[in-house]
């Protein structure tokens, strides 16, 4: 008798899961469960995946970068095939309610393919490994594959950050590591389709069949055991702060690298001169950025900091009007809706007042009113909990009475992915900018001027990272090849090792 639910990809084959518990995708627009049943893998199955990945790491040890690049290029071609691309877009739309076009088909899928190709180019070039040779002392070092990498994919990017196709996956492969993908339960069907393409590519390119593996879901305890397993090299995680910090603690206890990205409020400071010079542009920039994707980006601007004044009050009033008139989007899942309701409620209890919205939207689907709250600067700087991220279409405006209070608000910020300052172009805000920039700079990974932070370009110069708790380590980025490969490497040193025993790139030419 065949299994009633989808198989898992473990040990080089699609096989029936050992699990007995299942889950199913939910269409956020209809609130209805649909499609296949997917297994929740038990600890024995997770252990099988780890052992298989460790074996794959042994088989690929010493392989040149071109071997891994070939796989990444093959996968990129498969994802670009029209029939497969259409199937992926249809499935992702049903599981996430993200628009087919332009979001999924014209933006996210091409971005995913581009990331794979950039990672392939980095694997071929090899300079990311930073071979270093001291001939006088005959000491040489190089960054080398760290071992099997676990990739936890988030709910908001079903392609570009997926555990079996996204940026972390591409970087881990380009650095020469097998991957165990942990699917996100919000889009299991999409992940299955991506894993099928990856498995086909691995077989076609002569990779070990157990080089790519997929587990759809597991218990919290099994997740903690996975990231701390002796055979695991490193873990990449994008998701909620609660889950990320638990996993990080387990990995830290075992001495295992854990790279997490758990969200951010991405403060935007709007100085008075910016309002005088380009009031309308700042307004449309902000509203468009804050409500883009129903606010479900980790770089969505959740907090705006402004100085009190008549122009500030006018700007807040017009922002509220725009929020009220804008279409209310669909959130990714019921849990996102519940967390957003809870977050907005918490902000109100802490002293924030509602400017517009604040409740669940009428009609079908996981929807919440476009919501804008406000709080005074003294209250904000005095209560760390006001920095909670309301993941979704809600934001907080902080109004400071003067420059000193504005500075106090910025000095009270936790670590963030981004920070933005809008200022006058005529130099009128320069003195205040120079005063507040150092404090903001220390608290963000990416500093922007006169531009909203929502887009994260796939550029070698990009930093999609930042101080804790936005990420687990301020020295690494999840976006930006080749730098993102360095997370999945170990620094290996060779002291007086004979030439024929050295990696080829460390030998004397």
Protein backbone atom coordinates (compact mmCIF):
# COMPACT_ATOMS: atom_id res chain seq x y z
CA UNK A 1 0.00 0.00 0.00
CA UNK A 2 1.46 3.37 -1.02
CA UNK A 3 1.98 6.19 1.46
CA UNK A 4 -0.85 8.78 1.71
CA UNK A 5 1.61 11.65 1.72
CA UNK A 6 4.50 12.99 -0.30
CA UNK A 7 7.90 11.27 0.02
CA UNK A 8 10.98 12.95 1.47
CA UNK A 9 14.29 13.29 -0.38
CA UNK A 10 16.85 11.50 1.82
CA UNK A 11 19.93 9.42 1.11
CA UNK A 12 19.84 9.91 -2.64
CA UNK A 13 16.22 8.92 -3.31
CA UNK A 14 12.63 10.01 -2.88
CA UNK A 15 11.35 7.63 -0.25
CA UNK A 16 8.38 7.05 1.99
CA UNK A 17 8.70 8.94 5.22
CA UNK A 18 9.00 7.13 8.54
CA UNK A 19 6.72 9.76 10.03
CA UNK A 20 3.08 9.28 10.90
CA UNK A 21 2.10 12.94 11.47
CA UNK A 22 1.29 15.14 8.49
CA UNK A 23 0.47 18.72 7.56
CA UNK A 24 -1.05 20.48 4.56
CA UNK A 25 -0.67 23.84 2.84
CA UNK A 26 -3.30 26.54 3.37
CA UNK A 27 -4.36 29.03 0.71
CA UNK A 28 -4.09 32.42 2.48
CA UNK A 29 -6.64 34.02 0.15
CA UNK A 30 -9.36 31.45 0.89
CA UNK A 31 -8.22 30.20 4.32
CA UNK A 32 -8.71 26.64 3.05
CA UNK A 33 -6.31 23.72 3.28
CA UNK A 34 -5.55 22.12 -0.06
CA UNK A 35 -3.31 19.77 -1.98
CA UNK A 36 -1.03 16.98 -0.84
CA UNK A 37 -0.30 15.82 2.65
CA UNK A 38 3.32 16.24 3.72
CA UNK A 39 5.13 14.29 6.45
CA UNK A 40 6.64 15.54 9.68
CA UNK A 41 9.90 13.61 9.81
CA UNK A 42 10.82 11.81 13.06
CA UNK A 43 14.28 11.92 14.61
CA UNK A 44 15.38 8.69 12.89
CA UNK A 45 14.71 10.23 9.49
CA UNK A 46 16.56 13.42 10.38
CA UNK A 47 19.52 11.30 11.49
CA UNK A 48 19.45 9.42 8.17
CA UNK A 49 19.68 12.72 6.31
CA UNK A 50 22.65 13.89 8.38
CA UNK A 51 24.59 10.66 7.87
CA UNK A 52 23.90 10.73 4.13
CA UNK A 53 25.04 14.36 3.90
CA UNK A 54 28.23 13.56 5.79
CA UNK A 55 28.95 10.79 3.29
CA UNK A 56 28.36 13.17 0.38
CA UNK A 57 30.82 15.64 1.93
CA UNK A 58 33.46 12.90 1.99
CA UNK A 59 32.81 12.02 -1.64
CA UNK A 60 33.16 15.61 -2.86
CA UNK A 61 36.19 16.56 -0.78
CA UNK A 62 38.80 18.13 -3.01
CA UNK A 63 36.47 18.61 -5.97
CA UNK A 64 37.23 21.69 -8.08
CA UNK A 65 34.73 24.54 -8.06
CA UNK A 66 33.67 23.82 -11.62
CA UNK A 67 31.95 20.61 -10.47
CA UNK A 68 29.67 22.51 -8.10
CA UNK A 69 29.20 25.29 -10.65
CA UNK A 70 27.98 22.78 -13.19
CA UNK A 71 25.22 21.69 -10.83
CA UNK A 72 24.17 25.28 -10.05
CA UNK A 73 24.08 26.15 -13.75
CA UNK A 74 22.04 23.05 -14.54
CA UNK A 75 19.53 23.88 -11.81
CA UNK A 76 19.26 27.46 -13.07
CA UNK A 77 18.42 26.17 -16.56
CA UNK A 78 15.77 23.83 -15.19
CA UNK A 79 14.08 26.59 -13.20
CA UNK A 80 14.00 28.72 -16.35
CA UNK A 81 12.12 26.10 -18.39
CA UNK A 82 8.70 27.50 -19.24
CA UNK A 83 6.61 24.55 -18.10
CA UNK A 84 8.44 24.20 -14.79
CA UNK A 85 8.47 27.95 -14.19
CA UNK A 86 4.71 28.15 -14.73
CA UNK A 87 4.11 25.21 -12.39
CA UNK A 88 6.26 26.84 -9.70
CA UNK A 89 4.47 30.17 -10.02
CA UNK A 90 1.02 28.57 -9.84
CA UNK A 91 1.93 26.53 -6.77
CA UNK A 92 3.62 29.44 -4.98
CA UNK A 93 0.67 31.71 -5.69
CA UNK A 94 -1.74 29.16 -4.22
CA UNK A 95 0.40 28.61 -1.12
CA UNK A 96 1.41 32.23 -0.37
CA UNK A 97 -1.10 34.47 -2.20
CA UNK A 98 1.87 36.39 -3.62
CA UNK A 99 0.95 37.74 -7.08
CA UNK A 100 1.85 35.58 -10.08
CA UNK A 101 3.02 38.67 -11.95
CA UNK A 102 5.07 40.63 -11.56
CA UNK A 103 6.19 39.35 -8.15
CA UNK A 104 6.71 35.62 -8.68
CA UNK A 105 7.24 35.18 -12.41
CA UNK A 106 8.98 38.41 -13.37
CA UNK A 107 10.87 39.31 -10.20
CA UNK A 108 11.50 36.52 -7.73
CA UNK A 109 12.06 33.57 -10.07
CA UNK A 110 14.55 35.49 -12.28
CA UNK A 111 16.31 36.69 -9.13
CA UNK A 112 16.61 33.09 -7.94
CA UNK A 113 18.07 31.97 -11.25
CA UNK A 114 20.49 34.91 -11.22
CA UNK A 115 21.67 34.01 -7.70
CA UNK A 116 22.40 30.45 -8.81
CA UNK A 117 24.41 31.69 -11.79
CA UNK A 118 26.33 34.21 -9.70
CA UNK A 119 27.17 31.48 -7.20
CA UNK A 120 28.32 29.24 -10.06
CA UNK A 121 30.62 31.97 -11.34
CA UNK A 122 32.08 32.41 -7.86
CA UNK A 123 32.69 28.67 -7.55
CA UNK A 124 34.59 28.65 -10.86
CA UNK A 125 36.60 31.77 -10.06
CA UNK A 126 37.61 30.44 -6.64
CA UNK A 127 38.91 33.75 -5.31
CA UNK A 128 36.30 33.67 -2.52
CA UNK A 129 38.50 31.00 -0.85
CA UNK A 130 41.27 33.60 -0.40
CA UNK A 131 44.32 31.35 -0.82
CA UNK A 132 47.21 32.88 1.13
CA UNK A 133 50.84 31.81 0.82
CA UNK A 134 53.83 32.73 2.98
CA UNK A 135 56.70 31.08 1.07
CA UNK A 136 59.39 32.22 3.50
CA UNK A 137 57.81 30.27 6.36
CA UNK A 138 56.14 27.72 4.05
CA UNK A 139 52.73 28.36 5.63
CA UNK A 140 49.64 28.43 3.45
CA UNK A 141 45.93 28.82 4.15
CA UNK A 142 42.63 28.66 2.33
CA UNK A 143 38.90 28.72 2.98
CA UNK A 144 37.52 25.23 2.36
CA UNK A 145 34.09 23.56 2.59
CA UNK A 146 32.87 23.38 6.19
CA UNK A 147 30.74 20.26 5.77
CA UNK A 148 27.00 19.60 5.43
CA UNK A 149 24.92 22.77 5.66
CA UNK A 150 21.34 22.95 6.92
CA UNK A 151 19.23 25.65 5.28
CA UNK A 152 15.94 26.78 6.86
CA UNK A 153 13.85 28.71 4.35
CA UNK A 154 11.42 31.53 5.37
CA UNK A 155 7.77 31.96 4.46
CA UNK A 156 7.99 35.22 2.49
CA UNK A 157 10.30 34.27 -0.40
CA UNK A 158 9.19 30.87 -1.74
CA UNK A 159 11.90 30.87 -4.45
CA UNK A 160 14.71 33.33 -3.67
CA UNK A 161 15.27 32.23 -0.05
CA UNK A 162 13.92 28.71 -0.30
CA UNK A 163 15.99 26.08 1.47
CA UNK A 164 16.50 24.16 -1.78
CA UNK A 165 16.99 26.99 -4.30
CA UNK A 166 17.66 30.31 -2.58
CA UNK A 167 20.67 32.41 -1.75
CA UNK A 168 21.85 30.42 1.27
CA UNK A 169 21.47 27.19 -0.70
CA UNK A 170 23.42 28.59 -3.66
CA UNK A 171 26.22 29.94 -1.43
CA UNK A 172 26.57 26.67 0.48
CA UNK A 173 26.79 24.66 -2.75
CA UNK A 174 29.25 27.06 -4.38
CA UNK A 175 31.48 26.68 -1.32
CA UNK A 176 31.42 22.91 -1.88
CA UNK A 177 28.99 21.71 0.77
CA UNK A 178 26.09 19.24 0.66
CA UNK A 179 22.77 20.78 1.73
CA UNK A 180 19.96 19.48 3.92
CA UNK A 181 17.01 21.74 3.11
CA UNK A 182 14.38 22.30 5.79
CA UNK A 183 11.21 23.34 3.96
CA UNK A 184 8.92 26.04 5.26
CA UNK A 185 5.50 24.62 6.15
CA UNK A 186 3.78 27.56 4.45
CA UNK A 187 4.77 26.39 0.95
CA UNK A 188 5.64 22.67 0.92
CA UNK A 189 4.38 22.10 -2.62
CA UNK A 190 6.62 24.83 -4.00
CA UNK A 191 9.58 23.39 -2.12
CA UNK A 192 8.83 19.92 -3.49
CA UNK A 193 8.88 21.20 -7.08
CA UNK A 194 12.19 22.98 -6.47
CA UNK A 195 13.70 19.90 -4.83
CA UNK A 196 12.66 17.75 -7.79
CA UNK A 197 14.52 20.11 -10.11
CA UNK A 198 17.57 20.11 -7.83
CA UNK A 199 17.63 16.32 -7.61
CA UNK A 200 17.39 16.00 -11.40
CA UNK A 201 20.25 18.50 -11.80
CA UNK A 202 22.40 16.61 -9.29
CA UNK A 203 21.95 13.33 -11.15
CA UNK A 204 22.63 14.91 -14.54
CA UNK A 205 25.82 16.59 -13.32
CA UNK A 206 27.33 13.56 -11.62
CA UNK A 207 26.88 14.82 -8.07
CA UNK A 208 26.42 12.27 -5.29
CA UNK A 209 22.69 11.60 -5.22
CA UNK A 210 22.63 12.42 -1.50
CA UNK A 211 24.21 15.83 -2.08
CA UNK A 212 20.80 17.54 -1.88
CA UNK A 213 18.19 16.39 0.65
CA UNK A 214 14.82 17.71 1.76
CA UNK A 215 12.90 17.43 5.01
CA UNK A 216 9.54 19.19 4.95
CA UNK A 217 9.02 19.55 8.67
CA UNK A 218 10.22 18.24 12.03
CA UNK A 219 9.58 18.77 15.71
CA UNK A 220 11.26 21.59 17.60
CA UNK A 221 13.43 19.15 19.55
CA UNK A 222 14.58 17.44 16.36
CA UNK A 223 15.43 20.82 14.86
CA UNK A 224 17.59 21.63 17.89
CA UNK A 225 19.34 18.27 17.54
CA UNK A 226 19.89 18.81 13.84
CA UNK A 227 21.68 22.16 14.08
CA UNK A 228 23.90 20.86 16.92
CA UNK A 229 24.73 17.50 15.31
CA UNK A 230 28.40 16.61 15.24
CA UNK A 231 28.31 15.95 11.47
CA UNK A 232 26.76 19.30 10.56
CA UNK A 233 29.12 22.03 9.41
CA UNK A 234 26.86 25.09 9.67
CA UNK A 235 23.25 26.25 9.52
CA UNK A 236 21.57 29.15 7.73
CA UNK A 237 18.21 30.27 9.09
CA UNK A 238 15.73 32.92 7.97
CA UNK A 239 12.57 33.19 10.01
CA UNK A 240 11.08 34.24 13.31
CA UNK A 241 13.23 35.56 16.15
CA UNK A 242 11.77 33.10 18.65
CA UNK A 243 12.66 30.04 16.58
CA UNK A 244 15.98 31.46 15.42
CA UNK A 245 17.24 32.24 18.90
CA UNK A 246 16.34 28.77 20.19
CA UNK A 247 18.15 27.11 17.32
CA UNK A 248 21.13 29.44 17.68
CA UNK A 249 21.45 28.60 21.37
CA UNK A 250 21.54 24.88 20.56
CA UNK A 251 24.10 25.38 17.80
CA UNK A 252 26.24 27.67 19.98
CA UNK A 253 26.28 25.08 22.77
CA UNK A 254 27.64 22.55 20.28
CA UNK A 255 30.15 24.98 18.79
CA UNK A 256 28.40 24.96 15.41
CA UNK A 257 28.21 28.11 13.25
CA UNK A 258 24.62 29.37 12.99
CA UNK A 259 23.82 32.24 10.64
CA UNK A 260 20.38 33.67 11.24
CA UNK A 261 18.32 36.53 9.86
CA UNK A 262 15.29 37.10 12.07
CA UNK A 263 13.77 40.37 11.00
CA UNK A 264 14.23 44.05 11.72
CA UNK A 265 12.27 47.28 12.19
CA UNK A 266 14.57 49.12 9.73
CA UNK A 267 14.28 52.66 11.14
CA UNK A 268 13.79 55.55 8.72
CA UNK A 269 14.73 59.02 9.96
CA UNK A 270 13.08 61.90 8.09
CA UNK A 271 14.77 65.22 8.84
CA UNK A 272 12.91 68.56 8.51
CA UNK A 273 14.73 69.69 5.41
CA UNK A 274 13.67 66.59 3.52
CA UNK A 275 10.03 67.41 4.17
CA UNK A 276 10.49 70.99 2.98
CA UNK A 277 12.29 69.98 -0.22
CA UNK A 278 10.47 66.85 -1.34
CA UNK A 279 7.46 66.24 0.90
CA UNK A 280 5.49 64.27 -1.70
CA UNK A 281 8.42 62.06 -2.74
CA UNK A 282 9.22 61.09 0.83
CA UNK A 283 5.55 60.30 1.37
CA UNK A 284 5.09 58.14 -1.72
CA UNK A 285 8.46 56.44 -1.14
CA UNK A 286 7.44 55.50 2.38
CA UNK A 287 3.90 54.35 1.72
CA UNK A 288 4.97 52.28 -1.29
CA UNK A 289 7.84 50.68 0.60
CA UNK A 290 5.91 50.02 3.81
CA UNK A 291 2.93 48.39 2.09
CA UNK A 292 4.89 46.56 -0.60
CA UNK A 293 4.20 42.85 -0.37
CA UNK A 294 1.73 43.68 2.45
CA UNK A 295 4.73 44.68 4.56
CA UNK A 296 6.09 41.13 4.60
CA UNK A 297 9.73 41.91 3.86
CA UNK A 298 12.49 41.68 6.44
CA UNK A 299 13.65 45.12 5.21
CA UNK A 300 10.22 46.78 5.37
CA UNK A 301 10.45 50.17 7.16
CA UNK A 302 8.54 49.50 10.37
CA UNK A 303 9.59 52.60 12.31
CA UNK A 304 9.83 56.22 11.18
CA UNK A 305 11.50 58.80 13.43
CA UNK A 306 10.67 62.49 12.90
CA UNK A 307 10.96 65.83 14.66
CA UNK A 308 7.76 67.44 15.94
CA UNK A 309 6.33 70.25 13.84
CA UNK A 310 3.47 71.29 11.57
CA UNK A 311 4.99 69.68 8.48
CA UNK A 312 5.46 66.43 10.39
CA UNK A 313 1.80 66.47 11.43
CA UNK A 314 0.72 67.15 7.86
CA UNK A 315 2.94 64.30 6.63
CA UNK A 316 1.49 61.87 9.18
CA UNK A 317 -2.04 62.89 8.20
CA UNK A 318 -1.40 62.31 4.52
CA UNK A 319 0.39 59.03 5.20
CA UNK A 320 -2.66 57.86 7.12
CA UNK A 321 -4.90 58.87 4.23
CA UNK A 322 -2.75 56.89 1.78
CA UNK A 323 -2.75 53.87 4.09
CA UNK A 324 -6.52 54.02 4.36
CA UNK A 325 -7.06 54.21 0.61
CA UNK A 326 -4.50 51.56 -0.36
CA UNK A 327 -5.62 48.05 -1.21
CA UNK A 328 -5.37 45.67 1.73
CA UNK A 329 -3.18 42.73 0.74
CA UNK A 330 -3.31 39.12 1.86
CA UNK A 331 -0.90 37.94 4.53
CA UNK A 332 1.15 34.78 4.05
CA UNK A 333 -0.52 32.65 6.70
CA UNK A 334 -2.85 32.57 9.66
CA UNK A 335 0.12 32.69 12.03
CA UNK A 336 1.34 35.90 10.37
CA UNK A 337 -2.10 37.42 10.89
CA UNK A 338 -2.25 36.37 14.54
CA UNK A 339 1.26 37.65 15.23
CA UNK A 340 0.45 40.96 13.54
CA UNK A 341 -2.71 41.36 15.61
CA UNK A 342 -0.74 40.57 18.75
CA UNK A 343 2.09 42.95 17.84
CA UNK A 344 -0.23 45.88 17.14
CA UNK A 345 -2.06 45.17 20.38
CA UNK A 346 1.21 45.16 22.30
CA UNK A 347 2.28 48.51 20.83
CA UNK A 348 -1.02 50.04 21.94
CA UNK A 349 -0.63 48.72 25.45
CA UNK A 350 2.85 50.25 25.58
CA UNK A 351 1.58 53.71 24.72
CA UNK A 352 1.24 53.87 20.93
CA UNK A 353 -1.97 55.36 19.54
CA UNK A 354 -3.74 54.37 16.34
CA UNK A 355 -3.57 56.82 13.44
CA UNK A 356 -5.41 54.54 11.02
CA UNK A 357 -6.38 50.85 10.84
CA UNK A 358 -5.60 48.56 13.72
CA UNK A 359 -8.03 45.68 13.21
CA UNK A 360 -8.56 42.61 11.06
CA UNK A 361 -9.88 43.53 7.61
CA UNK A 362 -13.35 42.48 6.52
CA UNK A 363 -13.82 39.71 3.99
CA UNK A 364 -12.19 36.40 3.19
CA UNK A 365 -8.50 35.65 3.57
CA UNK A 366 -5.80 36.40 6.11
CA UNK A 367 -6.05 40.19 5.92
CA UNK A 368 -5.36 43.06 8.31
CA UNK A 369 -6.13 46.74 7.84
CA UNK A 370 -3.25 48.90 6.66
CA UNK A 371 -2.21 50.24 10.05
CA UNK A 372 -0.26 53.27 11.19
CA UNK A 373 0.51 53.97 14.85
CA UNK A 374 2.38 56.79 16.57
CA UNK A 375 4.23 57.32 19.84
CA UNK A 376 6.29 60.12 21.36
CA UNK A 377 10.05 59.93 21.41
CA UNK A 378 10.42 59.76 25.18
CA UNK A 379 8.14 56.74 25.41
CA UNK A 380 9.88 54.99 22.51
CA UNK A 381 13.40 55.46 23.83
CA UNK A 382 12.35 54.36 27.31
CA UNK A 383 10.76 51.03 26.39
CA UNK A 384 12.69 48.45 24.39
CA UNK A 385 9.50 46.46 23.72
CA UNK A 386 8.23 49.19 21.40
CA UNK A 387 10.78 47.88 18.92
CA UNK A 388 8.83 44.68 18.30
CA UNK A 389 8.59 43.88 14.59
CA UNK A 390 4.99 43.87 13.35
CA UNK A 391 5.59 41.62 10.35
CA UNK A 392 2.95 42.75 7.89
CA UNK A 393 1.20 45.96 6.85
CA UNK A 394 1.63 47.95 10.08
CA UNK A 395 4.16 50.60 11.08
CA UNK A 396 4.99 52.99 13.91
CA UNK A 397 5.84 56.70 13.69
CA UNK A 398 7.98 58.12 16.49
CA UNK A 399 7.75 61.89 17.01
CA UNK A 400 10.63 63.44 18.95
CA UNK A 401 10.26 66.91 20.47
CA UNK A 402 13.82 68.00 19.57
CA UNK A 403 17.17 66.83 18.21
CA UNK A 404 18.30 65.54 21.61
CA UNK A 405 15.27 63.30 21.93
CA UNK A 406 15.65 62.11 18.33
CA UNK A 407 19.22 61.13 19.11
CA UNK A 408 18.08 59.28 22.24
CA UNK A 409 15.61 57.29 20.13
CA UNK A 410 18.37 56.21 17.76
CA UNK A 411 20.78 55.42 20.57
CA UNK A 412 18.11 53.12 22.07
CA UNK A 413 17.75 51.04 18.90
CA UNK A 414 18.59 47.34 18.84
CA UNK A 415 20.58 45.83 15.96
CA UNK A 416 18.86 46.17 12.58
CA UNK A 417 19.38 45.11 9.00
CA UNK A 418 18.99 48.64 7.64
CA UNK A 419 18.75 52.27 8.67
CA UNK A 420 17.75 55.21 6.44
CA UNK A 421 18.10 58.98 6.68
CA UNK A 422 16.18 61.38 4.44
CA UNK A 423 17.70 64.86 4.51
CA UNK A 424 17.81 68.11 2.57
CA UNK A 425 20.01 68.27 -0.51
CA UNK A 426 20.94 71.92 0.12
CA UNK A 427 22.96 71.13 3.24
CA UNK A 428 20.34 72.42 5.66
CA UNK A 429 20.20 69.13 7.55
CA UNK A 430 23.92 68.35 7.45
CA UNK A 431 24.70 69.37 11.03
CA UNK A 432 21.91 67.19 12.39
CA UNK A 433 22.80 64.36 10.00
CA UNK A 434 26.41 64.38 11.21
CA UNK A 435 25.20 64.23 14.79
CA UNK A 436 22.85 61.27 14.40
CA UNK A 437 24.60 59.21 11.73
CA UNK A 438 27.30 57.62 13.94
CA UNK A 439 24.78 56.14 16.37
CA UNK A 440 22.57 54.81 13.60
CA UNK A 441 25.56 53.47 11.66
CA UNK A 442 26.61 51.26 14.60
CA UNK A 443 23.16 49.71 14.81
CA UNK A 444 22.54 48.71 11.19
CA UNK A 445 24.15 46.54 8.55
CA UNK A 446 23.17 48.75 5.60
CA UNK A 447 22.90 52.54 5.83
CA UNK A 448 20.81 54.32 3.18
CA UNK A 449 20.31 57.94 2.22
CA UNK A 450 17.13 59.25 0.58
CA UNK A 451 16.01 55.77 -0.43
CA UNK A 452 13.75 53.19 1.18
CA UNK A 453 15.38 49.91 2.26
CA UNK A 454 12.94 47.32 0.93
CA UNK A 455 14.94 46.18 -2.10
CA UNK A 456 17.95 43.93 -1.50
CA UNK A 457 20.05 43.89 -4.66
CA UNK A 458 22.05 40.76 -5.52
CA UNK A 459 25.34 42.65 -5.67
CA UNK A 460 28.86 41.77 -4.47
CA UNK A 461 28.74 44.96 -2.39
CA UNK A 462 25.43 44.19 -0.67
CA UNK A 463 25.20 43.50 3.04
CA UNK A 464 22.02 41.74 4.07
CA UNK A 465 23.08 41.40 7.64
CA UNK A 466 23.65 43.52 10.70
CA UNK A 467 24.15 43.54 14.47
CA UNK A 468 22.36 41.13 16.80
CA UNK A 469 19.44 40.44 17.13
CA UNK A 470 18.67 41.13 13.47
CA UNK A 471 21.30 38.49 12.69
CA UNK A 472 23.57 36.23 14.68
CA UNK A 473 26.86 37.83 13.61
CA UNK A 474 27.56 41.34 12.21
CA UNK A 475 30.48 40.18 10.07
CA UNK A 476 28.53 38.14 7.51
CA UNK A 477 25.89 38.66 4.83
CA UNK A 478 23.15 36.42 3.45
CA UNK A 479 23.08 38.32 0.14
CA UNK A 480 26.07 39.38 -1.92
CA UNK A 481 28.23 36.85 -3.73
CA UNK A 482 31.07 35.96 -3.17
CA UNK A 483 31.01 37.28 0.43
CA UNK A 484 27.99 35.14 1.33
CA UNK A 485 30.01 31.97 0.60
CA UNK A 486 32.37 32.67 3.49
CA UNK A 487 29.73 31.63 6.03
CA UNK A 488 30.01 28.04 4.84
CA UNK A 489 33.77 27.68 4.91
CA UNK A 490 36.46 26.70 7.39
CA UNK A 491 39.89 28.34 7.39
CA UNK A 492 42.40 25.58 6.81
CA UNK A 493 46.13 26.14 7.30
CA UNK A 494 49.00 24.01 5.93
CA UNK A 495 52.38 24.37 7.69
CA UNK A 496 55.40 22.85 5.91
CA UNK A 497 53.14 20.45 4.00
CA UNK A 498 54.72 18.91 0.90
CA UNK A 499 53.76 20.37 -2.46
CA UNK A 500 52.03 17.27 -3.79
CA UNK A 501 49.89 17.09 -0.66
CA UNK A 502 48.61 20.65 -0.87
CA UNK A 503 45.32 21.73 -2.47
CA UNK A 504 46.11 22.73 -6.08
CA UNK A 505 45.53 26.45 -5.47
CA UNK A 506 48.13 26.52 -2.69
CA UNK A 507 50.92 24.87 -4.64
CA UNK A 508 53.84 26.79 -6.12
CA UNK A 509 53.28 27.30 -9.82
